[in-house]
């Protein structure tokens, strides 16, 4: 299963490309790289995103506790799930307002909406309406206030590193290190605006597509393992803030690097035959050298001979950006938010405790 763990880390690195964009009147690769840096450096923006999980398959696992959901059952619940997020972000002062909505058709069209507000030191989470979990109506719509420094102490870390600007810088550095190794002719192409699936009325200067498919996947693996991955591992391992942002332990990356150096042939064979990106397409439209729209699709299959794993994942996404580097008007912060202790008291009182 070590190979599966390593493959999962490599997959995460590849997916950092999803935020990349395109800039106007430039060769496709140059446009792609330039927009990645410019968009990632934006000090403020609004973005509306939708992600659709179209394919998710896990085999039934023997020996699973009957009281728990099996991986196959979980896949059945979340398959066809839709995740929507509307985000407003500003770096100075640091604030991100997020309206997150999750729709699960496999749970009788269950819809979960969770607004959040994140500042440098405090995070507010609004209590959702979930009757099946016994959440009292008197609490629905109220915000819970979390002290991020206190949460960090409880987790035993220096900080929770919810610094969006730091995360943007990480994505920018990783994307640049990754994309520069991909051949323009093989992976990049210019697309006509009318063929890009842009929202009605949206005007762009240029549309660029980046695509990994069955034909170029062998070359993709060689490029990642021999060129991009060593550079990316060094960037992550030498930056503590990046490790925290990505939620990755340095020891895990050191293990991947050791395997890369000593078992490169075995790793290449595993990625060529057991982890396959059947397709990864990212189409981005930009205006004035800023990313304004993006859509894409992904289909991945992973096998593991040791465990018998044969899993598939497929989905699509779209994102539309606005107000890039413009002043964002935020509503006032909640003044009647409850602390976690007050929330516990509310539940305790209602339970007669």
Protein backbone atom coordinates (compact mmCIF):
# COMPACT_ATOMS: atom_id res chain seq x y z
CA UNK A 1 0.00 0.00 0.00
CA UNK A 2 3.03 2.30 0.16
CA UNK A 3 2.77 2.77 -3.58
CA UNK A 4 -0.86 3.81 -3.25
CA UNK A 5 0.11 6.38 -0.62
CA UNK A 6 2.88 7.71 -2.84
CA UNK A 7 0.55 7.79 -5.83
CA UNK A 8 -2.00 9.77 -3.82
CA UNK A 9 0.64 12.42 -3.07
CA UNK A 10 1.70 12.54 -6.72
CA UNK A 11 -1.95 12.85 -7.76
CA UNK A 12 -2.42 15.81 -5.40
CA UNK A 13 0.59 17.52 -6.95
CA UNK A 14 -0.74 17.03 -10.48
CA UNK A 15 -4.09 18.49 -9.50
CA UNK A 16 -2.50 21.77 -8.43
CA UNK A 17 -2.57 22.59 -12.14
CA UNK A 18 -6.36 22.94 -11.97
CA UNK A 19 -6.08 26.53 -10.77
CA UNK A 20 -3.92 27.50 -13.76
CA UNK A 21 -5.30 29.90 -16.36
CA UNK A 22 -4.55 31.50 -19.70
CA UNK A 23 -3.48 34.97 -20.83
CA UNK A 24 -4.17 36.89 -23.99
CA UNK A 25 -2.36 36.85 -27.35
CA UNK A 26 0.51 34.59 -26.31
CA UNK A 27 1.64 31.06 -27.21
CA UNK A 28 -0.52 28.57 -25.29
CA UNK A 29 2.12 27.42 -22.78
CA UNK A 30 3.39 30.94 -22.13
CA UNK A 31 -0.19 32.12 -21.65
CA UNK A 32 -0.93 29.25 -19.28
CA UNK A 33 2.13 29.88 -17.10
CA UNK A 34 1.73 33.66 -17.04
CA UNK A 35 -1.90 33.49 -15.96
CA UNK A 36 -1.07 30.98 -13.25
CA UNK A 37 1.30 33.45 -11.64
CA UNK A 38 -0.90 36.51 -12.15
CA UNK A 39 -4.11 34.93 -10.87
CA UNK A 40 -2.44 33.26 -7.90
CA UNK A 41 -0.98 36.64 -6.90
CA UNK A 42 -4.37 38.43 -6.87
CA UNK A 43 -4.95 40.28 -3.61
CA UNK A 44 -8.73 40.07 -3.88
CA UNK A 45 -11.37 38.33 -5.95
CA UNK A 46 -14.72 36.59 -6.06
CA UNK A 47 -15.13 33.12 -7.51
CA UNK A 48 -18.09 30.80 -8.02
CA UNK A 49 -17.16 27.14 -8.36
CA UNK A 50 -19.08 23.97 -9.10
CA UNK A 51 -17.67 20.45 -8.88
CA UNK A 52 -19.58 17.38 -10.00
CA UNK A 53 -18.53 13.85 -9.00
CA UNK A 54 -19.53 11.79 -12.03
CA UNK A 55 -17.77 8.51 -11.32
CA UNK A 56 -16.67 6.86 -8.08
CA UNK A 57 -16.12 3.14 -7.73
CA UNK A 58 -14.58 1.16 -4.88
CA UNK A 59 -14.70 -2.62 -4.50
CA UNK A 60 -16.47 -4.23 -1.55
CA UNK A 61 -13.87 -4.96 1.09
CA UNK A 62 -14.08 -8.17 3.07
CA UNK A 63 -13.81 -8.05 6.85
CA UNK A 64 -15.42 -4.62 7.16
CA UNK A 65 -17.35 -4.06 10.41
CA UNK A 66 -21.04 -4.51 9.59
CA UNK A 67 -21.87 -1.43 11.66
CA UNK A 68 -19.76 0.71 9.32
CA UNK A 69 -20.29 1.74 5.73
CA UNK A 70 -18.11 -0.20 3.30
CA UNK A 71 -16.05 1.78 0.77
CA UNK A 72 -18.47 0.68 -1.96
CA UNK A 73 -21.45 1.92 0.07
CA UNK A 74 -19.76 5.25 0.70
CA UNK A 75 -19.08 5.56 -3.02
CA UNK A 76 -22.76 4.93 -3.68
CA UNK A 77 -23.74 7.73 -1.32
CA UNK A 78 -21.39 10.39 -2.67
CA UNK A 79 -21.51 9.43 -6.36
CA UNK A 80 -23.12 12.19 -8.42
CA UNK A 81 -22.52 14.61 -5.55
CA UNK A 82 -22.34 18.29 -6.42
CA UNK A 83 -20.25 20.79 -4.49
CA UNK A 84 -20.81 24.50 -4.98
CA UNK A 85 -18.77 27.27 -3.43
CA UNK A 86 -19.02 31.04 -3.67
CA UNK A 87 -15.94 32.75 -2.27
CA UNK A 88 -15.09 36.40 -1.67
CA UNK A 89 -11.46 36.98 -0.65
CA UNK A 90 -9.28 39.91 0.32
CA UNK A 91 -5.71 39.75 1.58
CA UNK A 92 -5.65 43.10 3.44
CA UNK A 93 -7.18 42.79 5.89
CA UNK A 94 -7.25 39.03 5.45
CA UNK A 95 -10.81 37.75 5.08
CA UNK A 96 -12.53 35.01 3.12
CA UNK A 97 -16.32 34.55 3.06
CA UNK A 98 -17.30 31.11 1.81
CA UNK A 99 -20.76 29.81 1.02
CA UNK A 100 -20.38 26.05 0.66
CA UNK A 101 -23.18 23.79 -0.54
CA UNK A 102 -23.05 20.00 -0.87
CA UNK A 103 -25.81 18.05 -2.62
CA UNK A 104 -25.90 14.26 -2.17
CA UNK A 105 -28.41 12.54 -4.49
CA UNK A 106 -27.53 9.21 -2.86
CA UNK A 107 -28.90 10.50 0.46
CA UNK A 108 -32.40 11.35 -0.81
CA UNK A 109 -31.13 14.57 -2.41
CA UNK A 110 -29.70 15.75 0.90
CA UNK A 111 -28.49 19.36 0.69
CA UNK A 112 -26.01 20.77 3.18
CA UNK A 113 -25.28 24.52 3.15
CA UNK A 114 -22.47 25.82 5.37
CA UNK A 115 -21.51 29.53 5.24
CA UNK A 116 -18.10 30.32 6.74
CA UNK A 117 -16.12 33.47 7.46
CA UNK A 118 -12.36 33.24 7.92
CA UNK A 119 -10.19 36.05 9.23
CA UNK A 120 -6.57 36.04 10.34
CA UNK A 121 -7.38 34.94 13.89
CA UNK A 122 -11.02 33.83 13.94
CA UNK A 123 -13.20 31.47 11.93
CA UNK A 124 -17.00 31.62 12.00
CA UNK A 125 -19.08 28.63 10.90
CA UNK A 126 -22.85 28.90 10.55
CA UNK A 127 -24.90 26.08 12.03
CA UNK A 128 -26.66 24.25 9.16
CA UNK A 129 -30.18 22.86 9.14
CA UNK A 130 -29.87 19.10 9.71
CA UNK A 131 -33.05 17.76 11.33
CA UNK A 132 -31.90 14.14 11.04
CA UNK A 133 -28.95 14.92 13.33
CA UNK A 134 -31.09 16.56 15.98
CA UNK A 135 -29.78 20.11 15.61
CA UNK A 136 -32.34 22.40 17.32
CA UNK A 137 -34.01 24.99 15.10
CA UNK A 138 -33.07 27.66 17.66
CA UNK A 139 -29.41 27.14 16.72
CA UNK A 140 -29.84 26.95 12.95
CA UNK A 141 -28.40 30.03 11.28
CA UNK A 142 -26.27 31.06 14.25
CA UNK A 143 -22.53 31.34 13.89
CA UNK A 144 -20.00 29.44 15.99
CA UNK A 145 -16.81 31.39 16.63
CA UNK A 146 -13.50 29.49 16.66
CA UNK A 147 -10.27 31.01 17.92
CA UNK A 148 -7.67 29.77 15.43
CA UNK A 149 -4.76 30.14 17.85
CA UNK A 150 -6.63 28.07 20.44
CA UNK A 151 -7.49 25.43 17.87
CA UNK A 152 -3.83 25.26 16.88
CA UNK A 153 -2.83 24.64 20.50
CA UNK A 154 -5.38 21.84 20.77
CA UNK A 155 -3.98 20.26 17.61
CA UNK A 156 -0.41 20.63 18.89
CA UNK A 157 0.78 22.78 15.98
CA UNK A 158 2.20 26.28 15.74
CA UNK A 159 -0.74 27.47 13.65
CA UNK A 160 -3.58 26.16 11.52
CA UNK A 161 -2.15 28.16 8.62
CA UNK A 162 -5.41 29.34 7.11
CA UNK A 163 -3.43 32.11 5.45
CA UNK A 164 -4.94 32.15 1.97
CA UNK A 165 -2.12 34.31 0.60
CA UNK A 166 0.42 31.71 1.76
CA UNK A 167 -1.58 28.95 0.11
CA UNK A 168 -1.78 30.98 -3.11
CA UNK A 169 2.00 31.42 -3.08
CA UNK A 170 2.45 27.67 -2.62
CA UNK A 171 0.16 26.86 -5.54
CA UNK A 172 1.94 29.43 -7.66
CA UNK A 173 5.38 27.95 -6.94
CA UNK A 174 4.28 24.34 -7.41
CA UNK A 175 2.40 25.06 -10.61
CA UNK A 176 5.37 26.91 -12.08
CA UNK A 177 7.71 24.06 -11.19
CA UNK A 178 5.32 21.55 -12.73
CA UNK A 179 4.20 23.28 -15.90
CA UNK A 180 7.63 24.31 -17.12
CA UNK A 181 8.52 20.68 -17.76
CA UNK A 182 5.53 19.98 -20.05
CA UNK A 183 6.07 20.27 -23.79
CA UNK A 184 3.87 22.90 -25.41
CA UNK A 185 3.13 20.97 -28.60
CA UNK A 186 2.09 17.83 -26.71
CA UNK A 187 -0.07 19.29 -23.97
CA UNK A 188 -1.20 22.83 -24.84
CA UNK A 189 -3.53 24.15 -27.51
CA UNK A 190 -5.50 27.28 -28.32
CA UNK A 191 -9.27 26.82 -28.39
CA UNK A 192 -11.92 28.90 -30.11
CA UNK A 193 -14.07 30.76 -27.60
CA UNK A 194 -17.28 29.36 -29.09
CA UNK A 195 -15.98 25.82 -28.50
CA UNK A 196 -14.86 26.37 -24.90
CA UNK A 197 -18.22 26.14 -23.14
CA UNK A 198 -17.98 29.68 -21.76
CA UNK A 199 -20.95 31.12 -19.86
CA UNK A 200 -23.32 33.14 -22.02
CA UNK A 201 -22.18 36.74 -22.40
CA UNK A 202 -18.63 36.18 -21.13
CA UNK A 203 -16.01 37.75 -23.40
CA UNK A 204 -12.37 36.63 -23.22
CA UNK A 205 -9.14 37.46 -25.02
CA UNK A 206 -7.84 33.91 -25.36
CA UNK A 207 -8.76 30.35 -24.44
CA UNK A 208 -6.12 27.68 -23.78
CA UNK A 209 -6.50 23.98 -23.07
CA UNK A 210 -4.10 21.74 -21.18
CA UNK A 211 -4.77 18.04 -21.70
CA UNK A 212 -3.43 14.72 -20.44
CA UNK A 213 -4.91 11.73 -22.27
CA UNK A 214 -4.24 8.08 -22.98
CA UNK A 215 -1.85 8.96 -25.83
CA UNK A 216 0.45 11.26 -23.89
CA UNK A 217 0.09 9.67 -20.45
CA UNK A 218 3.29 7.56 -20.74
CA UNK A 219 5.25 10.72 -21.55
CA UNK A 220 3.46 12.48 -18.68
CA UNK A 221 4.67 9.89 -16.19
CA UNK A 222 8.26 10.17 -17.43
CA UNK A 223 8.11 13.96 -17.19
CA UNK A 224 6.67 13.97 -13.68
CA UNK A 225 8.97 11.31 -12.21
CA UNK A 226 12.22 12.37 -13.83
CA UNK A 227 11.85 16.16 -13.95
CA UNK A 228 8.94 17.78 -12.14
CA UNK A 229 8.52 15.65 -9.02
CA UNK A 230 12.10 15.97 -7.68
CA UNK A 231 11.89 19.76 -7.97
CA UNK A 232 8.44 19.91 -6.37
CA UNK A 233 9.47 17.66 -3.47
CA UNK A 234 12.42 19.93 -2.73
CA UNK A 235 10.19 23.03 -2.76
CA UNK A 236 7.75 21.46 -0.30
CA UNK A 237 10.31 19.90 2.01
CA UNK A 238 12.25 23.15 2.32
CA UNK A 239 9.21 25.24 3.23
CA UNK A 240 7.46 24.49 6.53
CA UNK A 241 4.54 26.79 5.71
CA UNK A 242 3.89 24.90 2.48
CA UNK A 243 3.89 21.57 4.30
CA UNK A 244 1.30 22.88 6.74
CA UNK A 245 -0.83 24.38 3.97
CA UNK A 246 -0.86 21.12 2.05
CA UNK A 247 -1.43 19.02 5.16
CA UNK A 248 1.54 16.80 4.32
CA UNK A 249 4.16 15.45 6.71
CA UNK A 250 7.78 16.01 5.72
CA UNK A 251 8.49 12.37 6.54
CA UNK A 252 5.97 11.26 3.90
CA UNK A 253 7.69 13.37 1.26
CA UNK A 254 11.10 12.07 2.32
CA UNK A 255 9.75 8.55 1.86
CA UNK A 256 8.51 9.45 -1.62
CA UNK A 257 11.87 10.99 -2.53
CA UNK A 258 13.78 7.94 -1.27
CA UNK A 259 11.52 5.66 -3.30
CA UNK A 260 11.96 7.91 -6.30
CA UNK A 261 15.74 7.67 -6.06
CA UNK A 262 16.07 3.96 -5.28
CA UNK A 263 13.02 2.41 -6.93
CA UNK A 264 12.45 4.63 -9.93
CA UNK A 265 11.87 1.77 -12.37
CA UNK A 266 9.31 0.17 -10.06
CA UNK A 267 7.57 3.50 -9.49
CA UNK A 268 7.45 4.26 -13.21
CA UNK A 269 5.94 0.83 -13.86
CA UNK A 270 3.33 1.37 -11.13
CA UNK A 271 2.32 4.78 -12.47
CA UNK A 272 2.25 3.52 -16.06
CA UNK A 273 0.12 0.47 -15.32
CA UNK A 274 -1.69 0.88 -11.98
CA UNK A 275 -2.44 4.61 -11.80
CA UNK A 276 -3.86 6.02 -14.97
CA UNK A 277 -5.14 9.47 -15.84
CA UNK A 278 -7.52 8.50 -18.60
CA UNK A 279 -8.15 12.18 -19.10
CA UNK A 280 -7.31 15.46 -17.42
CA UNK A 281 -8.50 18.47 -19.40
CA UNK A 282 -8.39 22.04 -18.17
CA UNK A 283 -9.76 24.83 -20.34
CA UNK A 284 -9.26 28.40 -19.20
CA UNK A 285 -10.44 31.72 -20.58
CA UNK A 286 -8.81 35.00 -19.60
CA UNK A 287 -9.52 38.67 -19.92
CA UNK A 288 -6.81 41.32 -19.48
CA UNK A 289 -4.35 38.57 -18.48
CA UNK A 290 -6.52 37.45 -15.57
CA UNK A 291 -8.29 34.13 -15.36
CA UNK A 292 -12.02 34.76 -15.58
CA UNK A 293 -13.38 31.31 -16.33
CA UNK A 294 -12.26 27.72 -16.15
CA UNK A 295 -13.73 24.30 -16.73
CA UNK A 296 -12.34 20.82 -16.88
CA UNK A 297 -12.81 17.14 -16.39
CA UNK A 298 -10.79 14.32 -14.89
CA UNK A 299 -10.94 10.54 -15.00
CA UNK A 300 -8.50 8.49 -12.91
CA UNK A 301 -8.20 4.76 -12.32
CA UNK A 302 -6.05 3.19 -9.60
CA UNK A 303 -5.19 -0.46 -9.10
CA UNK A 304 -3.14 -2.20 -6.43
CA UNK A 305 -2.22 -5.87 -6.83
CA UNK A 306 -1.40 -6.33 -3.14
CA UNK A 307 -4.78 -5.23 -1.83
CA UNK A 308 -6.89 -5.98 -4.89
CA UNK A 309 -7.88 -2.33 -5.10
CA UNK A 310 -9.54 -1.30 -8.36
CA UNK A 311 -10.96 2.18 -7.94
CA UNK A 312 -12.18 4.84 -10.34
CA UNK A 313 -12.71 8.54 -9.89
CA UNK A 314 -14.17 10.95 -12.38
CA UNK A 315 -15.60 14.41 -12.24
CA UNK A 316 -15.95 17.83 -13.80
CA UNK A 317 -15.63 21.38 -12.55
CA UNK A 318 -16.11 24.98 -13.53
CA UNK A 319 -15.11 28.27 -11.94
CA UNK A 320 -15.83 31.88 -12.81
CA UNK A 321 -13.77 34.71 -11.33
CA UNK A 322 -14.68 38.37 -10.91
CA UNK A 323 -13.58 41.47 -9.00
CA UNK A 324 -9.93 40.51 -9.41
CA UNK A 325 -7.78 42.97 -7.44
CA UNK A 326 -10.81 45.14 -6.72
CA UNK A 327 -12.09 46.27 -3.32
CA UNK A 328 -14.46 43.69 -1.85
CA UNK A 329 -17.32 44.94 0.31
CA UNK A 330 -17.89 42.44 3.12
CA UNK A 331 -20.88 42.39 5.48
CA UNK A 332 -20.25 43.06 9.17
CA UNK A 333 -18.86 40.19 11.22
CA UNK A 334 -21.39 38.33 13.42
CA UNK A 335 -21.91 40.01 16.79
CA UNK A 336 -23.97 37.25 18.40
CA UNK A 337 -21.73 34.27 17.56
CA UNK A 338 -21.51 31.45 20.09
CA UNK A 339 -18.27 29.98 21.36
CA UNK A 340 -17.86 26.18 21.23
CA UNK A 341 -18.41 26.08 25.02
CA UNK A 342 -21.65 28.03 24.69
CA UNK A 343 -22.78 25.67 21.95
CA UNK A 344 -22.10 22.69 24.22
CA UNK A 345 -24.13 24.36 26.98
CA UNK A 346 -27.01 24.90 24.55
CA UNK A 347 -27.07 21.22 23.64
CA UNK A 348 -26.61 20.18 27.25
CA UNK A 349 -29.53 22.34 28.41
CA UNK A 350 -31.81 21.00 25.71
CA UNK A 351 -30.91 17.46 26.69
CA UNK A 352 -31.75 18.17 30.30
CA UNK A 353 -28.16 17.83 31.44
